[in-house]
Amino acid sequence: MNNQPKNPLHGVTLEQILVELEQRLGFKAMGEQVNIKCFTDSPSIKSSLKFLRKTPWARDKVEALYIHTINNKPLRKPRNKPTKQSESSQPDTSGFVWPSIKK
């Protein structure tokens, strides 16, 4: 077997590439960066794999995006969990007392 220590794609399957890109960027950003219909129209890993395995030019673009992404971008934050910033933006009302109205 060929030893390819400087090839960042060596030993990485197309499915692994797609899963990693989807986790880091999401299908919407993938579709914006690589204008391929399988990322913009009802995207899924399965349909994208099917298309990319049959289309070498599209696979080349996705592999280039993967290499760029793993070298430059951190993982995106999950959408469902609130961030600390949004929690701290709410005022602390634990010590609040309404003033009494004097007549």
C-alpha atoms as a PDB file:
ATOM      1  CA  MET A   1       0.000   0.000   0.000  1.00  0.00           C
ATOM      2  CA  ASN A   2       1.118   3.545  -0.655  1.00  0.00           C
ATOM      3  CA  ASN A   3       2.112   5.606   2.330  1.00  0.00           C
ATOM      4  CA  GLN A   4       0.713   9.118   1.921  1.00  0.00           C
ATOM      5  CA  PRO A   5       1.655  11.043   5.062  1.00  0.00           C
ATOM      6  CA  LYS A   6       1.107  14.514   3.545  1.00  0.00           C
ATOM      7  CA  ASN A   7      -2.252  13.745   1.916  1.00  0.00           C
ATOM      8  CA  PRO A   8      -4.987  15.074   4.252  1.00  0.00           C
ATOM      9  CA  LEU A   9      -7.588  12.900   2.500  1.00  0.00           C
ATOM     10  CA  HIS A  10      -5.665   9.646   2.942  1.00  0.00           C
ATOM     11  CA  GLY A  11      -7.793   7.193   4.911  1.00  0.00           C
ATOM     12  CA  VAL A  12     -10.820   9.507   5.032  1.00  0.00           C
ATOM     13  CA  THR A  13     -13.976   8.268   3.329  1.00  0.00           C
ATOM     14  CA  LEU A  14     -16.364  10.500   1.424  1.00  0.00           C
ATOM     15  CA  GLU A  15     -19.009   9.795   4.049  1.00  0.00           C
ATOM     16  CA  GLN A  16     -16.653  10.944   6.820  1.00  0.00           C
ATOM     17  CA  ILE A  17     -15.942  14.114   4.841  1.00  0.00           C
ATOM     18  CA  LEU A  18     -19.651  14.884   4.450  1.00  0.00           C
ATOM     19  CA  VAL A  19     -20.456  14.178   8.096  1.00  0.00           C
ATOM     20  CA  GLU A  20     -17.592  16.402   9.262  1.00  0.00           C
ATOM     21  CA  LEU A  21     -18.582  19.236   6.924  1.00  0.00           C
ATOM     22  CA  GLU A  22     -22.225  18.984   7.976  1.00  0.00           C
ATOM     23  CA  GLN A  23     -21.215  19.172  11.646  1.00  0.00           C
ATOM     24  CA  ARG A  24     -18.871  22.102  11.118  1.00  0.00           C
ATOM     25  CA  LEU A  25     -20.804  24.122   8.529  1.00  0.00           C
ATOM     26  CA  GLY A  26     -24.269  22.691   7.972  1.00  0.00           C
ATOM     27  CA  PHE A  27     -25.850  22.000   4.597  1.00  0.00           C
ATOM     28  CA  LYS A  28     -26.873  25.625   4.085  1.00  0.00           C
ATOM     29  CA  ALA A  29     -23.298  26.937   4.337  1.00  0.00           C
ATOM     30  CA  MET A  30     -22.024  24.016   2.273  1.00  0.00           C
ATOM     31  CA  GLY A  31     -24.501  24.934  -0.468  1.00  0.00           C
ATOM     32  CA  GLU A  32     -23.394  28.561  -0.342  1.00  0.00           C
ATOM     33  CA  GLN A  33     -19.706  27.708  -0.618  1.00  0.00           C
ATOM     34  CA  VAL A  34     -20.051  24.901  -3.155  1.00  0.00           C
ATOM     35  CA  ASN A  35     -23.052  25.525  -5.387  1.00  0.00           C
ATOM     36  CA  ILE A  36     -24.239  21.924  -5.704  1.00  0.00           C
ATOM     37  CA  LYS A  37     -27.941  21.084  -5.706  1.00  0.00           C
ATOM     38  CA  CYS A  38     -27.496  18.088  -3.368  1.00  0.00           C
ATOM     39  CA  PHE A  39     -26.627  20.600  -0.593  1.00  0.00           C
ATOM     40  CA  THR A  40     -29.403  23.091  -1.326  1.00  0.00           C
ATOM     41  CA  ASP A  41     -32.437  21.009  -2.336  1.00  0.00           C
ATOM     42  CA  SER A  42     -33.603  18.571   0.391  1.00  0.00           C
ATOM     43  CA  PRO A  43     -30.041  17.775   1.512  1.00  0.00           C
ATOM     44  CA  SER A  44     -29.068  14.544   3.215  1.00  0.00           C
ATOM     45  CA  ILE A  45     -25.857  12.592   3.651  1.00  0.00           C
ATOM     46  CA  LYS A  46     -27.248   9.661   1.654  1.00  0.00           C
ATOM     47  CA  SER A  47     -28.343  11.689  -1.385  1.00  0.00           C
ATOM     48  CA  SER A  48     -25.133  13.718  -1.342  1.00  0.00           C
ATOM     49  CA  LEU A  49     -23.025  10.543  -1.259  1.00  0.00           C
ATOM     50  CA  LYS A  50     -24.919   9.111  -4.207  1.00  0.00           C
ATOM     51  CA  PHE A  51     -24.412  12.273  -6.285  1.00  0.00           C
ATOM     52  CA  LEU A  52     -20.775  12.877  -5.331  1.00  0.00           C
ATOM     53  CA  ARG A  53     -19.737   9.290  -6.070  1.00  0.00           C
ATOM     54  CA  LYS A  54     -21.019   9.683  -9.635  1.00  0.00           C
ATOM     55  CA  THR A  55     -19.756  13.233 -10.227  1.00  0.00           C
ATOM     56  CA  PRO A  56     -15.960  13.689 -10.009  1.00  0.00           C
ATOM     57  CA  TRP A  57     -15.955  17.490 -10.463  1.00  0.00           C
ATOM     58  CA  ALA A  58     -18.387  17.938  -7.564  1.00  0.00           C
ATOM     59  CA  ARG A  59     -16.430  15.538  -5.373  1.00  0.00           C
ATOM     60  CA  ASP A  60     -13.251  17.526  -6.069  1.00  0.00           C
ATOM     61  CA  LYS A  61     -14.972  20.722  -4.915  1.00  0.00           C
ATOM     62  CA  VAL A  62     -16.246  19.072  -1.730  1.00  0.00           C
ATOM     63  CA  GLU A  63     -12.813  17.621  -0.961  1.00  0.00           C
ATOM     64  CA  ALA A  64     -11.245  21.065  -1.444  1.00  0.00           C
ATOM     65  CA  LEU A  65     -13.855  22.579   0.889  1.00  0.00           C
ATOM     66  CA  TYR A  66     -13.099  19.864   3.457  1.00  0.00           C
ATOM     67  CA  ILE A  67      -9.353  20.534   3.348  1.00  0.00           C
ATOM     68  CA  HIS A  68      -9.939  24.279   3.685  1.00  0.00           C
ATOM     69  CA  THR A  69     -12.402  23.750   6.537  1.00  0.00           C
ATOM     70  CA  ILE A  70     -10.300  21.372   8.632  1.00  0.00           C
ATOM     71  CA  ASN A  71      -7.332  23.716   8.346  1.00  0.00           C
ATOM     72  CA  ASN A  72      -9.171  26.949   9.141  1.00  0.00           C
ATOM     73  CA  LYS A  73     -12.462  26.612  11.007  1.00  0.00           C
ATOM     74  CA  PRO A  74     -13.503  25.418  14.470  1.00  0.00           C
ATOM     75  CA  LEU A  75     -16.605  23.305  15.008  1.00  0.00           C
ATOM     76  CA  ARG A  76     -19.830  25.283  14.933  1.00  0.00           C
ATOM     77  CA  LYS A  77     -21.807  25.457  18.140  1.00  0.00           C
ATOM     78  CA  PRO A  78     -24.974  23.344  18.443  1.00  0.00           C
ATOM     79  CA  ARG A  79     -28.136  25.316  17.715  1.00  0.00           C
ATOM     80  CA  ASN A  80     -30.327  23.874  20.475  1.00  0.00           C
ATOM     81  CA  LYS A  81     -28.234  24.777  23.507  1.00  0.00           C
ATOM     82  CA  PRO A  82     -28.469  28.348  24.810  1.00  0.00           C
ATOM     83  CA  THR A  83     -25.194  30.215  25.020  1.00  0.00           C
ATOM     84  CA  LYS A  84     -23.897  31.880  28.160  1.00  0.00           C
ATOM     85  CA  GLN A  85     -24.326  35.270  26.513  1.00  0.00           C
ATOM     86  CA  SER A  86     -28.069  34.795  26.044  1.00  0.00           C
ATOM     87  CA  GLU A  87     -28.450  33.602  29.636  1.00  0.00           C
ATOM     88  CA  SER A  88     -26.542  36.583  31.037  1.00  0.00           C
ATOM     89  CA  SER A  89     -28.505  39.079  28.932  1.00  0.00           C
ATOM     90  CA  GLN A  90     -31.568  38.468  31.093  1.00  0.00           C
ATOM     91  CA  PRO A  91     -31.643  40.688  34.197  1.00  0.00           C
ATOM     92  CA  ASP A  92     -31.183  39.116  37.598  1.00  0.00           C
ATOM     93  CA  THR A  93     -34.530  39.529  39.356  1.00  0.00           C
ATOM     94  CA  SER A  94     -33.844  37.319  42.372  1.00  0.00           C
ATOM     95  CA  GLY A  95     -33.273  40.319  44.699  1.00  0.00           C
ATOM     96  CA  PHE A  96     -35.865  42.622  43.142  1.00  0.00           C
ATOM     97  CA  VAL A  97     -38.706  43.952  45.290  1.00  0.00           C
ATOM     98  CA  TRP A  98     -41.517  46.146  43.937  1.00  0.00           C
ATOM     99  CA  PRO A  99     -41.706  49.482  45.731  1.00  0.00           C
ATOM    100  CA  SER A 100     -44.841  50.181  47.717  1.00  0.00           C
ATOM    101  CA  ILE A 101     -47.085  53.022  46.575  1.00  0.00           C
ATOM    102  CA  LYS A 102     -47.654  55.700  49.202  1.00  0.00           C
ATOM    103  CA  LYS A 103     -50.993  57.544  49.293  1.00  0.00           C
END
